[in-house]
N, C-alpha and C. Protein backbone atom coordinates (compact mmCIF):
# COMPACT_ATOMS: atom_id res chain seq x y z
N MET A 1 0.85 -1.17 0.00
CA MET A 1 0.00 0.00 0.00
C MET A 1 0.89 1.23 0.00
N THR A 2 0.57 2.21 -0.81
CA THR A 2 1.33 3.44 -0.81
C THR A 2 0.72 4.39 0.20
N SER A 3 1.55 5.29 0.69
CA SER A 3 1.05 6.29 1.62
C SER A 3 1.79 7.59 1.38
N ASP A 4 1.28 8.66 1.98
CA ASP A 4 1.91 9.97 1.80
C ASP A 4 3.07 10.12 2.76
N HIS A 5 4.23 10.37 2.23
CA HIS A 5 5.43 10.66 3.01
C HIS A 5 6.00 11.96 2.47
N ALA A 6 6.87 12.60 3.23
CA ALA A 6 7.47 13.86 2.79
C ALA A 6 8.23 13.68 1.49
N THR A 7 8.79 12.49 1.24
CA THR A 7 9.56 12.27 0.03
C THR A 7 8.73 11.66 -1.09
N ALA A 8 7.47 11.38 -0.83
CA ALA A 8 6.61 10.76 -1.85
C ALA A 8 6.32 11.73 -2.97
N ALA A 9 6.04 11.17 -4.14
CA ALA A 9 5.66 12.00 -5.29
C ALA A 9 4.30 12.63 -5.01
N PRO A 10 4.02 13.76 -5.65
CA PRO A 10 2.71 14.38 -5.45
C PRO A 10 1.57 13.45 -5.86
N VAL A 11 0.45 13.57 -5.20
CA VAL A 11 -0.72 12.76 -5.51
C VAL A 11 -1.23 13.18 -6.88
N PRO A 12 -1.48 12.22 -7.77
CA PRO A 12 -1.97 12.61 -9.09
C PRO A 12 -3.41 13.12 -9.03
N LEU A 13 -3.76 13.91 -10.03
CA LEU A 13 -5.14 14.34 -10.23
C LEU A 13 -5.81 13.22 -11.01
N VAL A 14 -6.91 12.69 -10.47
CA VAL A 14 -7.57 11.53 -11.08
C VAL A 14 -9.00 11.90 -11.45
N PHE A 15 -9.35 11.60 -12.70
CA PHE A 15 -10.71 11.80 -13.18
C PHE A 15 -11.33 10.44 -13.49
N TYR A 16 -12.58 10.28 -13.09
CA TYR A 16 -13.38 9.11 -13.43
C TYR A 16 -14.59 9.66 -14.16
N VAL A 17 -14.72 9.31 -15.44
CA VAL A 17 -15.77 9.90 -16.28
C VAL A 17 -16.62 8.79 -16.87
N ARG A 18 -17.93 8.85 -16.58
CA ARG A 18 -18.89 7.92 -17.17
C ARG A 18 -19.52 8.59 -18.39
N LEU A 19 -19.63 7.84 -19.47
CA LEU A 19 -20.21 8.35 -20.71
C LEU A 19 -21.17 7.32 -21.27
N ARG A 20 -22.36 7.77 -21.58
CA ARG A 20 -23.34 6.91 -22.23
C ARG A 20 -23.36 7.33 -23.71
N VAL A 21 -22.98 6.40 -24.58
CA VAL A 21 -22.83 6.67 -26.00
C VAL A 21 -24.07 6.17 -26.75
N LYS A 22 -24.52 6.97 -27.72
CA LYS A 22 -25.64 6.56 -28.56
C LYS A 22 -25.26 5.24 -29.25
N PRO A 23 -26.14 4.24 -29.22
CA PRO A 23 -25.79 2.93 -29.81
C PRO A 23 -25.26 3.01 -31.24
N GLU A 24 -25.85 3.85 -32.05
CA GLU A 24 -25.43 3.95 -33.45
C GLU A 24 -24.14 4.76 -33.62
N GLN A 25 -23.64 5.35 -32.54
CA GLN A 25 -22.44 6.18 -32.61
C GLN A 25 -21.23 5.56 -31.89
N ILE A 26 -21.35 4.33 -31.40
CA ILE A 26 -20.27 3.73 -30.61
C ILE A 26 -18.96 3.68 -31.39
N ASP A 27 -18.99 3.19 -32.62
CA ASP A 27 -17.74 3.10 -33.40
C ASP A 27 -17.12 4.48 -33.61
N GLU A 28 -17.95 5.47 -33.94
CA GLU A 28 -17.44 6.83 -34.15
C GLU A 28 -16.86 7.40 -32.86
N TRP A 29 -17.55 7.18 -31.73
CA TRP A 29 -17.04 7.68 -30.45
C TRP A 29 -15.73 6.99 -30.07
N LEU A 30 -15.65 5.69 -30.31
CA LEU A 30 -14.40 4.99 -30.00
C LEU A 30 -13.23 5.55 -30.81
N ARG A 31 -13.47 5.88 -32.08
CA ARG A 31 -12.41 6.51 -32.89
C ARG A 31 -12.04 7.87 -32.29
N ALA A 32 -13.05 8.65 -31.91
CA ALA A 32 -12.80 9.98 -31.34
C ALA A 32 -12.04 9.89 -30.03
N VAL A 33 -12.42 8.95 -29.18
CA VAL A 33 -11.75 8.84 -27.88
C VAL A 33 -10.31 8.34 -28.06
N HIS A 34 -10.09 7.44 -29.00
CA HIS A 34 -8.71 6.99 -29.26
C HIS A 34 -7.87 8.16 -29.77
N ASP A 35 -8.44 8.99 -30.63
CA ASP A 35 -7.71 10.16 -31.13
C ASP A 35 -7.35 11.13 -30.00
N ILE A 36 -8.32 11.41 -29.12
CA ILE A 36 -8.03 12.39 -28.07
C ILE A 36 -7.04 11.81 -27.05
N VAL A 37 -7.14 10.54 -26.73
CA VAL A 37 -6.19 9.97 -25.78
C VAL A 37 -4.80 9.91 -26.39
N ASP A 38 -4.70 9.62 -27.66
CA ASP A 38 -3.39 9.68 -28.32
C ASP A 38 -2.79 11.08 -28.20
N ALA A 39 -3.61 12.11 -28.41
CA ALA A 39 -3.12 13.49 -28.28
C ALA A 39 -2.79 13.81 -26.82
N MET A 40 -3.65 13.40 -25.89
CA MET A 40 -3.40 13.67 -24.47
C MET A 40 -2.10 13.02 -24.01
N SER A 41 -1.81 11.83 -24.53
CA SER A 41 -0.63 11.09 -24.07
C SER A 41 0.68 11.80 -24.40
N LYS A 42 0.63 12.79 -25.27
CA LYS A 42 1.82 13.57 -25.61
C LYS A 42 2.01 14.76 -24.66
N GLU A 43 1.01 15.02 -23.81
CA GLU A 43 1.11 16.13 -22.85
C GLU A 43 2.11 15.76 -21.74
N ASP A 44 2.90 16.73 -21.30
CA ASP A 44 3.94 16.42 -20.32
C ASP A 44 3.39 16.05 -18.94
N THR A 45 2.16 16.39 -18.63
CA THR A 45 1.60 16.05 -17.32
C THR A 45 0.68 14.81 -17.37
N PHE A 46 0.53 14.21 -18.54
CA PHE A 46 -0.29 13.01 -18.69
C PHE A 46 0.42 11.82 -18.04
N LEU A 47 -0.32 11.07 -17.21
CA LEU A 47 0.25 9.87 -16.59
C LEU A 47 -0.34 8.60 -17.20
N SER A 48 -1.67 8.54 -17.30
CA SER A 48 -2.29 7.35 -17.88
C SER A 48 -3.78 7.58 -18.11
N CYS A 49 -4.35 6.71 -18.93
CA CYS A 49 -5.80 6.72 -19.15
C CYS A 49 -6.23 5.28 -19.43
N ASP A 50 -7.29 4.87 -18.77
CA ASP A 50 -7.88 3.55 -19.00
C ASP A 50 -9.29 3.75 -19.50
N LEU A 51 -9.66 2.97 -20.51
CA LEU A 51 -11.00 3.00 -21.08
C LEU A 51 -11.66 1.66 -20.76
N HIS A 52 -12.89 1.73 -20.25
CA HIS A 52 -13.63 0.52 -19.91
C HIS A 52 -15.04 0.60 -20.49
N ARG A 53 -15.60 -0.57 -20.81
CA ARG A 53 -16.99 -0.69 -21.22
C ARG A 53 -17.70 -1.52 -20.16
N ASP A 54 -18.90 -1.12 -19.80
CA ASP A 54 -19.69 -1.84 -18.82
C ASP A 54 -19.99 -3.24 -19.35
N ALA A 55 -19.84 -4.25 -18.52
CA ALA A 55 -20.05 -5.63 -18.93
C ALA A 55 -21.51 -5.93 -19.25
N ASN A 56 -22.43 -5.13 -18.69
CA ASN A 56 -23.85 -5.38 -18.89
C ASN A 56 -24.56 -4.36 -19.77
N ASP A 57 -23.86 -3.29 -20.11
CA ASP A 57 -24.45 -2.23 -20.92
C ASP A 57 -23.43 -1.78 -21.95
N PRO A 58 -23.55 -2.22 -23.20
CA PRO A 58 -22.53 -1.91 -24.21
C PRO A 58 -22.47 -0.44 -24.61
N THR A 59 -23.39 0.39 -24.11
CA THR A 59 -23.36 1.82 -24.43
C THR A 59 -22.75 2.65 -23.31
N LEU A 60 -22.38 2.02 -22.20
CA LEU A 60 -21.84 2.74 -21.04
C LEU A 60 -20.34 2.51 -20.94
N PHE A 61 -19.58 3.62 -20.97
CA PHE A 61 -18.13 3.58 -20.92
C PHE A 61 -17.63 4.42 -19.76
N THR A 62 -16.42 4.10 -19.30
CA THR A 62 -15.76 4.94 -18.31
C THR A 62 -14.32 5.19 -18.76
N LEU A 63 -13.88 6.39 -18.46
CA LEU A 63 -12.48 6.77 -18.63
C LEU A 63 -11.91 7.02 -17.24
N TYR A 64 -10.74 6.50 -16.98
CA TYR A 64 -10.04 6.71 -15.72
C TYR A 64 -8.71 7.36 -16.10
N GLU A 65 -8.62 8.67 -15.86
CA GLU A 65 -7.44 9.45 -16.27
C GLU A 65 -6.63 9.85 -15.06
N ARG A 66 -5.31 9.80 -15.20
CA ARG A 66 -4.39 10.26 -14.15
C ARG A 66 -3.46 11.31 -14.76
N TRP A 67 -3.37 12.44 -14.06
CA TRP A 67 -2.57 13.58 -14.52
C TRP A 67 -1.67 14.07 -13.39
N ALA A 68 -0.49 14.55 -13.73
CA ALA A 68 0.42 15.17 -12.76
C ALA A 68 0.12 16.66 -12.72
N GLU A 69 -1.04 16.99 -12.24
CA GLU A 69 -1.49 18.38 -12.13
C GLU A 69 -1.86 18.66 -10.68
N PRO A 70 -1.64 19.88 -10.20
CA PRO A 70 -1.92 20.17 -8.79
C PRO A 70 -3.40 20.29 -8.45
N ASP A 71 -4.22 20.66 -9.45
CA ASP A 71 -5.65 20.86 -9.19
C ASP A 71 -6.40 20.94 -10.51
N VAL A 72 -7.73 20.91 -10.42
CA VAL A 72 -8.57 20.91 -11.61
C VAL A 72 -8.42 22.21 -12.40
N ALA A 73 -8.34 23.35 -11.69
CA ALA A 73 -8.23 24.64 -12.39
C ALA A 73 -6.98 24.70 -13.26
N THR A 74 -5.86 24.24 -12.74
CA THR A 74 -4.61 24.23 -13.51
C THR A 74 -4.73 23.29 -14.70
N PHE A 75 -5.32 22.12 -14.46
CA PHE A 75 -5.54 21.16 -15.54
C PHE A 75 -6.35 21.79 -16.67
N LEU A 76 -7.47 22.43 -16.31
CA LEU A 76 -8.34 23.02 -17.32
C LEU A 76 -7.64 24.12 -18.11
N GLU A 77 -6.83 24.94 -17.44
CA GLU A 77 -6.08 25.99 -18.14
C GLU A 77 -5.14 25.39 -19.17
N ARG A 78 -4.47 24.32 -18.81
CA ARG A 78 -3.48 23.70 -19.69
C ARG A 78 -4.13 22.87 -20.80
N GLN A 79 -5.38 22.48 -20.62
CA GLN A 79 -6.02 21.60 -21.59
C GLN A 79 -6.85 22.35 -22.63
N ASP A 80 -6.79 23.66 -22.65
CA ASP A 80 -7.50 24.42 -23.67
C ASP A 80 -6.69 24.34 -24.97
N LYS A 81 -6.85 23.21 -25.66
CA LYS A 81 -6.07 22.91 -26.86
C LYS A 81 -7.01 22.61 -28.02
N PRO A 82 -6.57 22.81 -29.25
CA PRO A 82 -7.43 22.53 -30.42
C PRO A 82 -7.96 21.09 -30.45
N TYR A 83 -7.13 20.10 -30.12
CA TYR A 83 -7.61 18.72 -30.19
C TYR A 83 -8.72 18.46 -29.17
N ARG A 84 -8.65 19.10 -28.03
CA ARG A 84 -9.68 18.92 -27.01
C ARG A 84 -10.97 19.66 -27.42
N ARG A 85 -10.82 20.86 -27.97
CA ARG A 85 -12.01 21.60 -28.43
C ARG A 85 -12.72 20.83 -29.55
N ASP A 86 -11.95 20.20 -30.43
CA ASP A 86 -12.54 19.39 -31.50
C ASP A 86 -13.33 18.22 -30.92
N TYR A 87 -12.76 17.50 -29.97
CA TYR A 87 -13.45 16.38 -29.33
C TYR A 87 -14.72 16.85 -28.63
N GLU A 88 -14.60 17.93 -27.87
CA GLU A 88 -15.77 18.45 -27.14
C GLU A 88 -16.90 18.83 -28.10
N SER A 89 -16.56 19.40 -29.25
CA SER A 89 -17.60 19.82 -30.20
C SER A 89 -18.33 18.64 -30.80
N ARG A 90 -17.71 17.47 -30.82
CA ARG A 90 -18.31 16.27 -31.40
C ARG A 90 -19.23 15.53 -30.43
N LEU A 91 -19.06 15.76 -29.13
CA LEU A 91 -19.78 14.97 -28.13
C LEU A 91 -21.30 15.05 -28.20
N PRO A 92 -21.91 16.21 -28.45
CA PRO A 92 -23.38 16.22 -28.50
C PRO A 92 -23.97 15.24 -29.51
N ASP A 93 -23.29 15.01 -30.61
CA ASP A 93 -23.78 14.06 -31.63
C ASP A 93 -23.50 12.61 -31.25
N LEU A 94 -22.55 12.39 -30.35
CA LEU A 94 -22.11 11.03 -30.02
C LEU A 94 -22.70 10.48 -28.73
N LEU A 95 -22.94 11.36 -27.77
CA LEU A 95 -23.37 10.91 -26.45
C LEU A 95 -24.87 10.97 -26.27
N ASP A 96 -25.37 10.07 -25.45
CA ASP A 96 -26.78 10.02 -25.10
C ASP A 96 -26.91 10.59 -23.69
N GLY A 97 -26.72 11.88 -23.57
CA GLY A 97 -26.76 12.56 -22.28
C GLY A 97 -25.41 13.12 -21.91
N PRO A 98 -25.37 13.94 -20.86
CA PRO A 98 -24.11 14.57 -20.45
C PRO A 98 -23.14 13.57 -19.83
N ARG A 99 -21.86 13.89 -19.93
CA ARG A 99 -20.85 13.10 -19.23
C ARG A 99 -21.06 13.22 -17.73
N GLU A 100 -20.58 12.25 -16.99
CA GLU A 100 -20.66 12.27 -15.54
C GLU A 100 -19.23 12.22 -14.99
N PRO A 101 -18.56 13.38 -14.93
CA PRO A 101 -17.18 13.38 -14.44
C PRO A 101 -17.12 13.47 -12.92
N GLN A 102 -16.13 12.82 -12.36
CA GLN A 102 -15.83 12.92 -10.94
C GLN A 102 -14.33 13.08 -10.79
N VAL A 103 -13.93 13.82 -9.77
CA VAL A 103 -12.52 13.90 -9.40
C VAL A 103 -12.35 12.99 -8.20
N LEU A 104 -11.40 12.07 -8.30
CA LEU A 104 -11.14 11.12 -7.23
C LEU A 104 -9.89 11.50 -6.46
N VAL A 105 -9.87 11.18 -5.18
CA VAL A 105 -8.70 11.40 -4.34
C VAL A 105 -8.06 10.04 -4.07
N PRO A 106 -6.87 9.79 -4.61
CA PRO A 106 -6.22 8.50 -4.38
C PRO A 106 -5.89 8.32 -2.90
N LEU A 107 -6.26 7.16 -2.38
CA LEU A 107 -5.98 6.85 -0.98
C LEU A 107 -4.95 5.75 -0.81
N ALA A 108 -5.00 4.74 -1.66
CA ALA A 108 -4.10 3.61 -1.53
C ALA A 108 -3.98 2.91 -2.87
N HIS A 109 -2.90 2.16 -3.02
CA HIS A 109 -2.65 1.41 -4.25
C HIS A 109 -1.98 0.10 -3.87
N TRP A 110 -2.51 -1.01 -4.37
CA TRP A 110 -1.94 -2.32 -4.14
C TRP A 110 -1.48 -2.90 -5.46
N PRO A 111 -0.19 -2.91 -5.76
CA PRO A 111 0.27 -3.52 -7.01
C PRO A 111 0.22 -5.05 -6.89
N ALA A 112 0.24 -5.71 -8.03
CA ALA A 112 0.25 -7.17 -8.05
C ALA A 112 1.52 -7.68 -7.38
N THR A 113 1.39 -8.80 -6.70
CA THR A 113 2.56 -9.42 -6.09
C THR A 113 3.19 -10.37 -7.08
N ASP A 114 4.42 -10.75 -6.82
CA ASP A 114 5.12 -11.68 -7.68
C ASP A 114 4.55 -13.08 -7.45
N HIS A 115 3.77 -13.56 -8.40
CA HIS A 115 3.10 -14.86 -8.25
C HIS A 115 4.07 -16.03 -8.41
N ALA A 116 5.26 -15.82 -8.90
CA ALA A 116 6.22 -16.90 -9.10
C ALA A 116 6.68 -17.46 -7.76
N ASP A 117 6.59 -16.68 -6.69
CA ASP A 117 7.03 -17.15 -5.37
C ASP A 117 6.03 -18.09 -4.72
N ASN A 118 4.87 -18.28 -5.29
CA ASN A 118 3.83 -19.10 -4.68
C ASN A 118 3.88 -20.56 -5.12
N THR A 119 4.99 -21.02 -5.66
CA THR A 119 5.05 -22.41 -6.13
C THR A 119 5.57 -23.33 -5.06
């Protein structure tokens, strides 16, 4: 488990975003999200992004983004980029309702253990 120490790296800014995509627009939205994540991954404060689809609802997706940013306001200032504006302008045609973004506060992390020692 990780914890906060004086020498620890800053806590990342974490976004959890639920998106309900119009059934007929899933392929188009997946292309758009791959394009924006490819562009985001070139940003110097980008840490990671995971895309998930709900196992029971093929129109419900989540993005789990991690950024090395001190706060949401700083993130938003730095993210006013043409590629993001283009993605945002496409969302009304692709989504079936507004996004549901949340900012998460990381509390703990458990990495996988070395399973080779269990023999």
